[in-house]
């Protein structure tokens, strides 16, 4: 009897632990979950920056080696986007099932996403090993840099499975509320890479190939950490062999929901190529150099908003699944308030001190002076971007795949891409700056469209919760 009682108490404690996303104060939860996710993104960015710093300091061939590895980045971004295709839809859906108390389907979602990511990894590895040279030439490698690029990519391709599983499965750790564990997964890989880079690059004289080996090993260690956690005792959702059979009703909605994030990430490489080709035509090398700084500033600007959104996602998803419309509304309002406040503050700093931001990335007087004007134009609507981020993350968090995909496609492909080529023809007085104007012009229309769509779709989502709750009471 005593043993049965202890098991019952343990089970009750476990259920109480699982429900903290639906009981703890929303403000405290958002702070607790957003800080580690933000830290993880900052660590990941520093990880990439330090990696390039080491490569750039290789004696004699550092500049060419850095350029060669830089050409690999669009392909690496696409590989990461495929991890998001599976996980950024699967993880919110798992949290929604958790909120409704359906842990069996939540675990099936985890198991299906795990298997699909292994399949995707195998296909990507094969494609990268067979076709990396023509792909790298397409993305800008020259005869001088192609050797460094293929040297790096051939080794990186072998570790694709580690990248896919680390990024993808880590989302299932965060969505359960284990944000600190998710952050440690990234930290473990970053620290390992930073330590191994100089050993392989300089100590063993392996150059770019050494950097790739260090990256693969560090991702492998992170992957082992993530999988051990998801197979261990602390996780609420476990990877189980019985859930490895792909079920269309589980995996297809997950992929559909993740498509918006995939589009956002994969399209960055396309957008970058379009911006650079247009700027090279109208402004030359200095305009392309300025664009590198602008995108870096924008990346730093978006990190806190992305961290906030990822911190809010488990709260929104869980409470949506639990039918708690009050907490869903409270979480969204807080996410919107904080995101908009941050974006407005950063926008004010950029408008007042653009040269300070430019100086973070270059000491060249001509480039800094040019970037100062370009930065003000490019970031003109950044102050309102908190609205876009909050609405888009909420669409994903409540499982609205159609709206999430629609706003992503509208901003990137329907608006921004055509504007890159249209603006120089509309503003012929300064065609170079007109190219930068494509970003704020697209953002104004995209944010307006997203806000209008969100108002309608969010009302429908809350009404559905009310209807479902009424049906349950009957």
Foldseek 3Di string as FASTA:
>chain_A
DVVVVVVVVVVVVVLVLQCCLVPPDLVVLLVLLLVLLLLLVVLLVVLVVLLLVLQLPQPPCSVLLSVLQVLCVLVVLLLLLVLLLQQLLLQLQLLLCSLLVNNVLSLLSLQQSLLVLVVVLVVQLVCCQVPVQVSSVVSPDDPSRSVSNNLLSNLLSVLSSLSSQLSRLLLNCSLSSNSNLSSVLSVQLSVQLSVQQCCQVPVVVNRSNSSSVSNSVSSNVSNVSSQCVQCDDPDPHHNDPVSNDHDCVNRVLSSLLSVLSSLLRSCVSVLLVLLLVLLCVQPNPLLNVLVVLLVVVVVVLCSSLVSSLSSLLSSLSSCLSNLNLVSNVVSLVVQLVVLLVSQQVVLVCCLVCVLVSVVVPDDDVVSSVVSSVLNCLLCVPSSLCSLVSSLLSSCSSNSVSVLNNVLSCQLRPVQLSVQLVPQCVVCVVRSSSSNSNSNVVSVVVSSVVSVVVSVVVSVVSSVVSVVVVVVVVD
